[in-house]
Amino acid sequence: VLINGFNVIVMRAFFMELPEELFESARIDGASEFHVLTR
């Protein structure tokens, strides 16, 4: 029961609502996907 599909969908929808400008500015600064996720 490590991963629940409903919880994945809820969290995915939340991540998709985050402004894309945040990811673009982080990538311009050279941040990797791991650093974007954690920081």
PDB file of all heavy atoms in Angstrom:
ATOM      1  N   VAL A   1       0.840  -1.210   0.000  1.00  0.00           N
ATOM      2  CA  VAL A   1       0.000   0.000   0.000  1.00  0.00           C
ATOM      3  C   VAL A   1       0.868   1.251   0.000  1.00  0.00           C
ATOM      4  O   VAL A   1       0.453   2.312   0.477  1.00  0.00           O
ATOM      5  CB  VAL A   1      -0.943   0.000   1.221  1.00  0.00           C
ATOM      6  CG1 VAL A   1      -1.970  -1.104   1.092  1.00  0.00           C
ATOM      7  CG2 VAL A   1      -0.160  -0.144   2.531  1.00  0.00           C
ATOM      8  N   LEU A   2       2.066   1.138  -0.564  1.00  0.00           N
ATOM      9  CA  LEU A   2       3.010   2.255  -0.510  1.00  0.00           C
ATOM     10  C   LEU A   2       2.490   3.476  -1.245  1.00  0.00           C
ATOM     11  O   LEU A   2       2.649   4.615  -0.780  1.00  0.00           O
ATOM     12  CB  LEU A   2       4.351   1.816  -1.103  1.00  0.00           C
ATOM     13  CG  LEU A   2       5.494   2.830  -1.003  1.00  0.00           C
ATOM     14  CD1 LEU A   2       5.875   3.054   0.449  1.00  0.00           C
ATOM     15  CD2 LEU A   2       6.711   2.350  -1.793  1.00  0.00           C
ATOM     16  N   ILE A   3       1.858   3.285  -2.400  1.00  0.00           N
ATOM     17  CA  ILE A   3       1.373   4.401  -3.216  1.00  0.00           C
ATOM     18  C   ILE A   3      -0.117   4.234  -3.435  1.00  0.00           C
ATOM     19  O   ILE A   3      -0.583   3.166  -3.841  1.00  0.00           O
ATOM     20  CB  ILE A   3       2.108   4.463  -4.565  1.00  0.00           C
ATOM     21  CG1 ILE A   3       3.600   4.744  -4.346  1.00  0.00           C
ATOM     22  CG2 ILE A   3       1.511   5.544  -5.456  1.00  0.00           C
ATOM     23  CD1 ILE A   3       4.403   4.802  -5.627  1.00  0.00           C
ATOM     24  N   ASN A   4      -0.856   5.280  -3.166  1.00  0.00           N
ATOM     25  CA  ASN A   4      -2.290   5.311  -3.403  1.00  0.00           C
ATOM     26  C   ASN A   4      -2.564   6.166  -4.629  1.00  0.00           C
ATOM     27  O   ASN A   4      -2.116   7.319  -4.705  1.00  0.00           O
ATOM     28  CB  ASN A   4      -3.016   5.877  -2.179  1.00  0.00           C
ATOM     29  CG  ASN A   4      -4.520   5.903  -2.353  1.00  0.00           C
ATOM     30  OD1 ASN A   4      -5.080   6.817  -2.945  1.00  0.00           O
ATOM     31  ND2 ASN A   4      -5.179   4.889  -1.827  1.00  0.00           N
ATOM     32  N   GLY A   5      -3.288   5.596  -5.611  1.00  0.00           N
ATOM     33  CA  GLY A   5      -3.528   6.308  -6.863  1.00  0.00           C
ATOM     34  C   GLY A   5      -4.268   7.620  -6.680  1.00  0.00           C
ATOM     35  O   GLY A   5      -3.962   8.614  -7.345  1.00  0.00           O
ATOM     36  N   PHE A   6      -5.240   7.642  -5.780  1.00  0.00           N
ATOM     37  CA  PHE A   6      -5.997   8.871  -5.545  1.00  0.00           C
ATOM     38  C   PHE A   6      -5.095   9.978  -5.005  1.00  0.00           C
ATOM     39  O   PHE A   6      -5.179  11.132  -5.442  1.00  0.00           O
ATOM     40  CB  PHE A   6      -7.137   8.591  -4.569  1.00  0.00           C
ATOM     41  CG  PHE A   6      -7.909   9.812  -4.172  1.00  0.00           C
ATOM     42  CD1 PHE A   6      -8.859  10.363  -5.024  1.00  0.00           C
ATOM     43  CD2 PHE A   6      -7.684  10.424  -2.948  1.00  0.00           C
ATOM     44  CE1 PHE A   6      -9.569  11.503  -4.659  1.00  0.00           C
ATOM     45  CE2 PHE A   6      -8.388  11.554  -2.572  1.00  0.00           C
ATOM     46  CZ  PHE A   6      -9.334  12.093  -3.433  1.00  0.00           C
ATOM     47  N   ASN A   7      -4.216   9.639  -4.070  1.00  0.00           N
ATOM     48  CA  ASN A   7      -3.297  10.638  -3.524  1.00  0.00           C
ATOM     49  C   ASN A   7      -2.336  11.151  -4.580  1.00  0.00           C
ATOM     50  O   ASN A   7      -1.971  12.336  -4.580  1.00  0.00           O
ATOM     51  CB  ASN A   7      -2.529  10.049  -2.348  1.00  0.00           C
ATOM     52  CG  ASN A   7      -3.418   9.732  -1.166  1.00  0.00           C
ATOM     53  OD1 ASN A   7      -4.498  10.298  -1.027  1.00  0.00           O
ATOM     54  ND2 ASN A   7      -2.984   8.818  -0.319  1.00  0.00           N
ATOM     55  N   VAL A   8      -1.920  10.275  -5.487  1.00  0.00           N
ATOM     56  CA  VAL A   8      -1.039  10.706  -6.589  1.00  0.00           C
ATOM     57  C   VAL A   8      -1.752  11.716  -7.476  1.00  0.00           C
ATOM     58  O   VAL A   8      -1.182  12.745  -7.859  1.00  0.00           O
ATOM     59  CB  VAL A   8      -0.558   9.483  -7.399  1.00  0.00           C
ATOM     60  CG1 VAL A   8       0.199   9.940  -8.646  1.00  0.00           C
ATOM     61  CG2 VAL A   8       0.318   8.588  -6.553  1.00  0.00           C
ATOM     62  N   ILE A   9      -3.002  11.450  -7.814  1.00  0.00           N
ATOM     63  CA  ILE A   9      -3.758  12.358  -8.678  1.00  0.00           C
ATOM     64  C   ILE A   9      -3.957  13.706  -7.996  1.00  0.00           C
ATOM     65  O   ILE A   9      -3.836  14.770  -8.629  1.00  0.00           O
ATOM     66  CB  ILE A   9      -5.106  11.725  -9.059  1.00  0.00           C
ATOM     67  CG1 ILE A   9      -4.880  10.431  -9.852  1.00  0.00           C
ATOM     68  CG2 ILE A   9      -5.946  12.699  -9.868  1.00  0.00           C
ATOM     69  CD1 ILE A   9      -4.091  10.607 -11.113  1.00  0.00           C
ATOM     70  N   VAL A  10      -4.275  13.689  -6.704  1.00  0.00           N
ATOM     71  CA  VAL A  10      -4.471  14.948  -5.969  1.00  0.00           C
ATOM     72  C   VAL A  10      -3.188  15.767  -5.935  1.00  0.00           C
ATOM     73  O   VAL A  10      -3.193  16.975  -6.208  1.00  0.00           O
ATOM     74  CB  VAL A  10      -4.969  14.651  -4.541  1.00  0.00           C
ATOM     75  CG1 VAL A  10      -4.980  15.925  -3.694  1.00  0.00           C
ATOM     76  CG2 VAL A  10      -6.362  14.047  -4.570  1.00  0.00           C
ATOM     77  N   MET A  11      -2.069  15.129  -5.631  1.00  0.00           N
ATOM     78  CA  MET A  11      -0.807  15.856  -5.563  1.00  0.00           C
ATOM     79  C   MET A  11      -0.351  16.311  -6.941  1.00  0.00           C
ATOM     80  O   MET A  11       0.208  17.405  -7.094  1.00  0.00           O
ATOM     81  CB  MET A  11       0.262  14.977  -4.902  1.00  0.00           C
ATOM     82  CG  MET A  11       1.524  15.728  -4.532  1.00  0.00           C
ATOM     83  SD  MET A  11       2.666  14.744  -3.528  1.00  0.00           S
ATOM     84  CE  MET A  11       1.774  14.677  -1.972  1.00  0.00           C
ATOM     85  N   ARG A  12      -0.588  15.506  -7.955  1.00  0.00           N
ATOM     86  CA  ARG A  12      -0.245  15.910  -9.325  1.00  0.00           C
ATOM     87  C   ARG A  12      -1.026  17.147  -9.735  1.00  0.00           C
ATOM     88  O   ARG A  12      -0.469  18.081 -10.341  1.00  0.00           O
ATOM     89  CB  ARG A  12      -0.528  14.760 -10.296  1.00  0.00           C
ATOM     90  CG  ARG A  12      -0.379  15.129 -11.775  1.00  0.00           C
ATOM     91  CD  ARG A  12      -0.700  13.939 -12.657  1.00  0.00           C
ATOM     92  NE  ARG A  12      -0.639  14.294 -14.066  1.00  0.00           N
ATOM     93  CZ  ARG A  12      -1.673  14.742 -14.776  1.00  0.00           C
ATOM     94  NH1 ARG A  12      -2.867  14.893 -14.177  1.00  0.00           N
ATOM     95  NH2 ARG A  12      -1.537  15.038 -16.055  1.00  0.00           N
ATOM     96  N   ALA A  13      -2.324  17.174  -9.423  1.00  0.00           N
ATOM     97  CA  ALA A  13      -3.140  18.343  -9.753  1.00  0.00           C
ATOM     98  C   ALA A  13      -2.625  19.586  -9.031  1.00  0.00           C
ATOM     99  O   ALA A  13      -2.624  20.693  -9.595  1.00  0.00           O
ATOM    100  CB  ALA A  13      -4.599  18.080  -9.398  1.00  0.00           C
ATOM    101  N   PHE A  14      -2.181  19.424  -7.803  1.00  0.00           N
ATOM    102  CA  PHE A  14      -1.632  20.573  -7.068  1.00  0.00           C
ATOM    103  C   PHE A  14      -0.352  21.075  -7.717  1.00  0.00           C
ATOM    104  O   PHE A  14      -0.158  22.287  -7.875  1.00  0.00           O
ATOM    105  CB  PHE A  14      -1.367  20.172  -5.620  1.00  0.00           C
ATOM    106  CG  PHE A  14      -0.817  21.288  -4.774  1.00  0.00           C
ATOM    107  CD1 PHE A  14      -1.664  22.171  -4.136  1.00  0.00           C
ATOM    108  CD2 PHE A  14       0.545  21.441  -4.619  1.00  0.00           C
ATOM    109  CE1 PHE A  14      -1.161  23.199  -3.359  1.00  0.00           C
ATOM    110  CE2 PHE A  14       1.059  22.466  -3.847  1.00  0.00           C
ATOM    111  CZ  PHE A  14       0.210  23.346  -3.215  1.00  0.00           C
ATOM    112  N   PHE A  15       0.536  20.161  -8.105  1.00  0.00           N
ATOM    113  CA  PHE A  15       1.791  20.564  -8.738  1.00  0.00           C
ATOM    114  C   PHE A  15       1.541  21.265 -10.077  1.00  0.00           C
ATOM    115  O   PHE A  15       2.263  22.198 -10.443  1.00  0.00           O
ATOM    116  CB  PHE A  15       2.695  19.351  -8.954  1.00  0.00           C
ATOM    117  CG  PHE A  15       3.255  18.782  -7.679  1.00  0.00           C
ATOM    118  CD1 PHE A  15       3.684  17.460  -7.616  1.00  0.00           C
ATOM    119  CD2 PHE A  15       3.347  19.557  -6.540  1.00  0.00           C
ATOM    120  CE1 PHE A  15       4.190  16.933  -6.446  1.00  0.00           C
ATOM    121  CE2 PHE A  15       3.862  19.030  -5.349  1.00  0.00           C
ATOM    122  CZ  PHE A  15       4.281  17.726  -5.311  1.00  0.00           C
ATOM    123  N   MET A  16       0.525  20.812 -10.808  1.00  0.00           N
ATOM    124  CA  MET A  16       0.223  21.414 -12.100  1.00  0.00           C
ATOM    125  C   MET A  16      -0.339  22.822 -11.953  1.00  0.00           C
ATOM    126  O   MET A  16      -0.284  23.614 -12.909  1.00  0.00           O
ATOM    127  CB  MET A  16      -0.756  20.534 -12.871  1.00  0.00           C
ATOM    128  CG  MET A  16      -0.189  19.187 -13.276  1.00  0.00           C
ATOM    129  SD  MET A  16      -1.359  18.158 -14.186  1.00  0.00           S
ATOM    130  CE  MET A  16      -1.532  19.102 -15.696  1.00  0.00           C
ATOM    131  N   GLU A  17      -0.879  23.161 -10.774  1.00  0.00           N
ATOM    132  CA  GLU A  17      -1.404  24.500 -10.542  1.00  0.00           C
ATOM    133  C   GLU A  17      -0.319  25.496 -10.170  1.00  0.00           C
ATOM    134  O   GLU A  17      -0.578  26.702 -10.142  1.00  0.00           O
ATOM    135  CB  GLU A  17      -2.462  24.458  -9.437  1.00  0.00           C
ATOM    136  CG  GLU A  17      -3.735  23.718  -9.824  1.00  0.00           C
ATOM    137  CD  GLU A  17      -4.497  24.420 -10.932  1.00  0.00           C
ATOM    138  OE1 GLU A  17      -4.448  25.662 -10.975  1.00  0.00           O
ATOM    139  OE2 GLU A  17      -5.123  23.730 -11.752  1.00  0.00           O
ATOM    140  N   LEU A  18       0.879  25.029  -9.871  1.00  0.00           N
ATOM    141  CA  LEU A  18       1.964  25.950  -9.540  1.00  0.00           C
ATOM    142  C   LEU A  18       2.339  26.772 -10.765  1.00  0.00           C
ATOM    143  O   LEU A  18       2.360  26.258 -11.884  1.00  0.00           O
ATOM    144  CB  LEU A  18       3.177  25.174  -9.033  1.00  0.00           C
ATOM    145  CG  LEU A  18       3.011  24.440  -7.694  1.00  0.00           C
ATOM    146  CD1 LEU A  18       4.267  23.651  -7.361  1.00  0.00           C
ATOM    147  CD2 LEU A  18       2.696  25.426  -6.583  1.00  0.00           C
ATOM    148  N   PRO A  19       2.627  28.056 -10.600  1.00  0.00           N
ATOM    149  CA  PRO A  19       2.962  28.919 -11.748  1.00  0.00           C
ATOM    150  C   PRO A  19       4.185  28.414 -12.504  1.00  0.00           C
ATOM    151  O   PRO A  19       5.203  28.059 -11.907  1.00  0.00           O
ATOM    152  CB  PRO A  19       3.233  30.282 -11.108  1.00  0.00           C
ATOM    153  CG  PRO A  19       2.529  30.239  -9.795  1.00  0.00           C
ATOM    154  CD  PRO A  19       2.588  28.810  -9.336  1.00  0.00           C
ATOM    155  N   GLU A  20       4.080  28.355 -13.806  1.00  0.00           N
ATOM    156  CA  GLU A  20       5.179  27.890 -14.643  1.00  0.00           C
ATOM    157  C   GLU A  20       6.380  28.815 -14.569  1.00  0.00           C
ATOM    158  O   GLU A  20       7.517  28.393 -14.821  1.00  0.00           O
ATOM    159  CB  GLU A  20       4.689  27.759 -16.088  1.00  0.00           C
ATOM    160  CG  GLU A  20       5.641  27.035 -17.019  1.00  0.00           C
ATOM    161  CD  GLU A  20       5.865  25.582 -16.618  1.00  0.00           C
ATOM    162  OE1 GLU A  20       4.922  24.982 -16.054  1.00  0.00           O
ATOM    163  OE2 GLU A  20       6.971  25.062 -16.867  1.00  0.00           O
ATOM    164  N   GLU A  21       6.140  30.080 -14.202  1.00  0.00           N
ATOM    165  CA  GLU A  21       7.250  31.026 -14.095  1.00  0.00           C
ATOM    166  C   GLU A  21       8.279  30.589 -13.060  1.00  0.00           C
ATOM    167  O   GLU A  21       9.476  30.869 -13.208  1.00  0.00           O
ATOM    168  CB  GLU A  21       6.728  32.422 -13.730  1.00  0.00           C
ATOM    169  CG  GLU A  21       5.946  33.110 -14.828  1.00  0.00           C
ATOM    170  CD  GLU A  21       4.498  32.665 -14.852  1.00  0.00           C
ATOM    171  OE1 GLU A  21       4.132  31.744 -14.078  1.00  0.00           O
ATOM    172  OE2 GLU A  21       3.720  33.239 -15.641  1.00  0.00           O
ATOM    173  N   LEU A  22       7.823  29.910 -12.020  1.00  0.00           N
ATOM    174  CA  LEU A  22       8.751  29.423 -10.999  1.00  0.00           C
ATOM    175  C   LEU A  22       9.725  28.411 -11.585  1.00  0.00           C
ATOM    176  O   LEU A  22      10.933  28.469 -11.319  1.00  0.00           O
ATOM    177  CB  LEU A  22       7.969  28.783  -9.848  1.00  0.00           C
ATOM    178  CG  LEU A  22       7.127  29.711  -8.966  1.00  0.00           C
ATOM    179  CD1 LEU A  22       6.307  28.899  -7.990  1.00  0.00           C
ATOM    180  CD2 LEU A  22       8.013  30.693  -8.235  1.00  0.00           C
ATOM    181  N   PHE A  23       9.216  27.491 -12.391  1.00  0.00           N
ATOM    182  CA  PHE A  23      10.077  26.462 -12.985  1.00  0.00           C
ATOM    183  C   PHE A  23      11.005  27.064 -14.035  1.00  0.00           C
ATOM    184  O   PHE A  23      12.177  26.690 -14.124  1.00  0.00           O
ATOM    185  CB  PHE A  23       9.205  25.374 -13.605  1.00  0.00           C
ATOM    186  CG  PHE A  23       8.277  24.705 -12.627  1.00  0.00           C
ATOM    187  CD1 PHE A  23       6.953  25.100 -12.508  1.00  0.00           C
ATOM    188  CD2 PHE A  23       8.731  23.681 -11.813  1.00  0.00           C
ATOM    189  CE1 PHE A  23       6.104  24.493 -11.606  1.00  0.00           C
ATOM    190  CE2 PHE A  23       7.888  23.058 -10.916  1.00  0.00           C
ATOM    191  CZ  PHE A  23       6.569  23.470 -10.801  1.00  0.00           C
ATOM    192  N   GLU A  24      10.480  27.994 -14.818  1.00  0.00           N
ATOM    193  CA  GLU A  24      11.309  28.606 -15.850  1.00  0.00           C
ATOM    194  C   GLU A  24      12.455  29.413 -15.247  1.00  0.00           C
ATOM    195  O   GLU A  24      13.600  29.329 -15.719  1.00  0.00           O
ATOM    196  CB  GLU A  24      10.435  29.503 -16.727  1.00  0.00           C
ATOM    197  CG  GLU A  24       9.410  28.740 -17.560  1.00  0.00           C
ATOM    198  CD  GLU A  24       8.526  29.659 -18.367  1.00  0.00           C
ATOM    199  OE1 GLU A  24       8.672  30.903 -18.220  1.00  0.00           O
ATOM    200  OE2 GLU A  24       7.683  29.164 -19.145  1.00  0.00           O
ATOM    201  N   SER A  25      12.174  30.176 -14.204  1.00  0.00           N
ATOM    202  CA  SER A  25      13.232  30.969 -13.572  1.00  0.00           C
ATOM    203  C   SER A  25      14.271  30.067 -12.918  1.00  0.00           C
ATOM    204  O   SER A  25      15.471  30.374 -12.951  1.00  0.00           O
ATOM    205  CB  SER A  25      12.627  31.908 -12.539  1.00  0.00           C
ATOM    206  OG  SER A  25      11.952  31.176 -11.523  1.00  0.00           O
ATOM    207  N   ALA A  26      13.829  28.938 -12.345  1.00  0.00           N
ATOM    208  CA  ALA A  26      14.780  28.009 -11.728  1.00  0.00           C
ATOM    209  C   ALA A  26      15.668  27.354 -12.779  1.00  0.00           C
ATOM    210  O   ALA A  26      16.875  27.190 -12.564  1.00  0.00           O
ATOM    211  CB  ALA A  26      14.028  26.951 -10.933  1.00  0.00           C
ATOM    212  N   ARG A  27      15.091  26.995 -13.927  1.00  0.00           N
ATOM    213  CA  ARG A  27      15.894  26.374 -14.985  1.00  0.00           C
ATOM    214  C   ARG A  27      16.864  27.374 -15.593  1.00  0.00           C
ATOM    215  O   ARG A  27      17.976  27.007 -15.997  1.00  0.00           O
ATOM    216  CB  ARG A  27      14.970  25.796 -16.051  1.00  0.00           C
ATOM    217  CG  ARG A  27      14.115  24.624 -15.552  1.00  0.00           C
ATOM    218  CD  ARG A  27      13.392  23.938 -16.685  1.00  0.00           C
ATOM    219  NE  ARG A  27      12.513  22.864 -16.200  1.00  0.00           N
ATOM    220  CZ  ARG A  27      11.229  23.005 -15.956  1.00  0.00           C
ATOM    221  NH1 ARG A  27      10.640  24.188 -16.177  1.00  0.00           N
ATOM    222  NH2 ARG A  27      10.519  21.998 -15.490  1.00  0.00           N
ATOM    223  N   ILE A  28      16.472  28.640 -15.684  1.00  0.00           N
ATOM    224  CA  ILE A  28      17.391  29.665 -16.190  1.00  0.00           C
ATOM    225  C   ILE A  28      18.603  29.789 -15.273  1.00  0.00           C
ATOM    226  O   ILE A  28      19.736  30.006 -15.737  1.00  0.00           O
ATOM    227  CB  ILE A  28      16.652  31.013 -16.324  1.00  0.00           C
ATOM    228  CG1 ILE A  28      15.624  30.925 -17.450  1.00  0.00           C
ATOM    229  CG2 ILE A  28      17.630  32.152 -16.589  1.00  0.00           C
ATOM    230  CD1 ILE A  28      14.767  32.178 -17.582  1.00  0.00           C
ATOM    231  N   ASP A  29      18.364  29.634 -13.970  1.00  0.00           N
ATOM    232  CA  ASP A  29      19.467  29.697 -13.011  1.00  0.00           C
ATOM    233  C   ASP A  29      20.279  28.416 -12.965  1.00  0.00           C
ATOM    234  O   ASP A  29      21.231  28.312 -12.180  1.00  0.00           O
ATOM    235  CB  ASP A  29      18.925  29.993 -11.611  1.00  0.00           C
ATOM    236  CG  ASP A  29      18.329  31.394 -11.520  1.00  0.00           C
ATOM    237  OD1 ASP A  29      18.718  32.248 -12.344  1.00  0.00           O
ATOM    238  OD2 ASP A  29      17.473  31.621 -10.640  1.00  0.00           O
ATOM    239  N   GLY A  30      19.889  27.411 -13.764  1.00  0.00           N
ATOM    240  CA  GLY A  30      20.662  26.178 -13.848  1.00  0.00           C
ATOM    241  C   GLY A  30      20.272  25.113 -12.850  1.00  0.00           C
ATOM    242  O   GLY A  30      21.041  24.163 -12.626  1.00  0.00           O
ATOM    243  N   ALA A  31      19.105  25.217 -12.259  1.00  0.00           N
ATOM    244  CA  ALA A  31      18.673  24.227 -11.272  1.00  0.00           C
ATOM    245  C   ALA A  31      18.213  22.954 -11.974  1.00  0.00           C
ATOM    246  O   ALA A  31      17.547  23.003 -13.018  1.00  0.00           O
ATOM    247  CB  ALA A  31      17.538  24.788 -10.421  1.00  0.00           C
ATOM    248  N   SER A  32      18.565  21.828 -11.408  1.00  0.00           N
ATOM    249  CA  SER A  32      18.110  20.545 -11.936  1.00  0.00           C
ATOM    250  C   SER A  32      16.694  20.264 -11.447  1.00  0.00           C
ATOM    251  O   SER A  32      16.155  20.970 -10.593  1.00  0.00           O
ATOM    252  CB  SER A  32      19.051  19.429 -11.479  1.00  0.00           C
ATOM    253  OG  SER A  32      19.038  19.317 -10.065  1.00  0.00           O
ATOM    254  N   GLU A  33      16.089  19.207 -11.995  1.00  0.00           N
ATOM    255  CA  GLU A  33      14.735  18.869 -11.577  1.00  0.00           C
ATOM    256  C   GLU A  33      14.681  18.498 -10.102  1.00  0.00           C
ATOM    257  O   GLU A  33      13.704  18.813  -9.416  1.00  0.00           O
ATOM    258  CB  GLU A  33      14.203  17.701 -12.421  1.00  0.00           C
ATOM    259  CG  GLU A  33      13.917  18.050 -13.865  1.00  0.00           C
ATOM    260  CD  GLU A  33      12.756  19.022 -14.008  1.00  0.00           C
ATOM    261  OE1 GLU A  33      11.944  19.125 -13.059  1.00  0.00           O
ATOM    262  OE2 GLU A  33      12.670  19.692 -15.042  1.00  0.00           O
ATOM    263  N   PHE A  34      15.732  17.842  -9.613  1.00  0.00           N
ATOM    264  CA  PHE A  34      15.761  17.479  -8.196  1.00  0.00           C
ATOM    265  C   PHE A  34      15.790  18.717  -7.315  1.00  0.00           C
ATOM    266  O   PHE A  34      15.091  18.795  -6.303  1.00  0.00           O
ATOM    267  CB  PHE A  34      16.980  16.594  -7.907  1.00  0.00           C
ATOM    268  CG  PHE A  34      17.111  16.202  -6.460  1.00  0.00           C
ATOM    269  CD1 PHE A  34      16.304  15.203  -5.928  1.00  0.00           C
ATOM    270  CD2 PHE A  34      18.030  16.835  -5.632  1.00  0.00           C
ATOM    271  CE1 PHE A  34      16.423  14.836  -4.591  1.00  0.00           C
ATOM    272  CE2 PHE A  34      18.142  16.474  -4.297  1.00  0.00           C
ATOM    273  CZ  PHE A  34      17.342  15.472  -3.781  1.00  0.00           C
ATOM    274  N   HIS A  35      16.605  19.712  -7.698  1.00  0.00           N
ATOM    275  CA  HIS A  35      16.671  20.942  -6.917  1.00  0.00           C
ATOM    276  C   HIS A  35      15.371  21.747  -7.037  1.00  0.00           C
ATOM    277  O   HIS A  35      14.950  22.394  -6.076  1.00  0.00           O
ATOM    278  CB  HIS A  35      17.862  21.793  -7.372  1.00  0.00           C
ATOM    279  CG  HIS A  35      19.181  21.263  -6.934  1.00  0.00           C
ATOM    280  ND1 HIS A  35      19.885  20.333  -7.668  1.00  0.00           N
ATOM    281  CD2 HIS A  35      19.928  21.506  -5.824  1.00  0.00           C
ATOM    282  CE1 HIS A  35      21.023  20.046  -7.044  1.00  0.00           C
ATOM    283  NE2 HIS A  35      21.069  20.742  -5.917  1.00  0.00           N
ATOM    284  N   VAL A  36      14.729  21.701  -8.203  1.00  0.00           N
ATOM    285  CA  VAL A  36      13.446  22.383  -8.350  1.00  0.00           C
ATOM    286  C   VAL A  36      12.416  21.760  -7.412  1.00  0.00           C
ATOM    287  O   VAL A  36      11.633  22.466  -6.751  1.00  0.00           O
ATOM    288  CB  VAL A  36      12.962  22.303  -9.815  1.00  0.00           C
ATOM    289  CG1 VAL A  36      11.527  22.819  -9.934  1.00  0.00           C
ATOM    290  CG2 VAL A  36      13.883  23.113 -10.716  1.00  0.00           C
ATOM    291  N   LEU A  37      12.431  20.429  -7.332  1.00  0.00           N
ATOM    292  CA  LEU A  37      11.469  19.739  -6.475  1.00  0.00           C
ATOM    293  C   LEU A  37      11.731  20.021  -5.007  1.00  0.00           C
ATOM    294  O   LEU A  37      10.796  20.325  -4.249  1.00  0.00           O
ATOM    295  CB  LEU A  37      11.527  18.233  -6.744  1.00  0.00           C
ATOM    296  CG  LEU A  37      10.688  17.333  -5.820  1.00  0.00           C
ATOM    297  CD1 LEU A  37       9.207  17.670  -5.944  1.00  0.00           C
ATOM    298  CD2 LEU A  37      10.938  15.866  -6.139  1.00  0.00           C
ATOM    299  N   THR A  38      12.985  19.924  -4.578  1.00  0.00           N
ATOM    300  CA  THR A  38      13.288  20.014  -3.149  1.00  0.00           C
ATOM    301  C   THR A  38      13.339  21.454  -2.641  1.00  0.00           C
ATOM    302  O   THR A  38      13.005  21.711  -1.472  1.00  0.00           O
ATOM    303  CB  THR A  38      14.636  19.332  -2.868  1.00  0.00           C
ATOM    304  OG1 THR A  38      15.662  19.911  -3.706  1.00  0.00           O
ATOM    305  CG2 THR A  38      14.544  17.840  -3.141  1.00  0.00           C
ATOM    306  N   ARG A  39      13.739  22.406  -3.492  1.00  0.00           N
ATOM    307  CA  ARG A  39      13.937  23.777  -3.017  1.00  0.00           C
ATOM    308  C   ARG A  39      12.820  24.740  -3.405  1.00  0.00           C
ATOM    309  O   ARG A  39      12.730  25.826  -2.824  1.00  0.00           O
ATOM    310  CB  ARG A  39      15.272  24.318  -3.550  1.00  0.00           C
ATOM    311  CG  ARG A  39      16.474  23.534  -3.050  1.00  0.00           C
ATOM    312  CD  ARG A  39      17.774  24.166  -3.481  1.00  0.00           C
ATOM    313  NE  ARG A  39      18.929  23.417  -3.003  1.00  0.00           N
ATOM    314  CZ  ARG A  39      20.195  23.775  -3.201  1.00  0.00           C
ATOM    315  NH1 ARG A  39      20.457  24.891  -3.893  1.00  0.00           N
ATOM    316  NH2 ARG A  39      21.174  23.037  -2.726  1.00  0.00           N
TER     317      ARG A  39
END
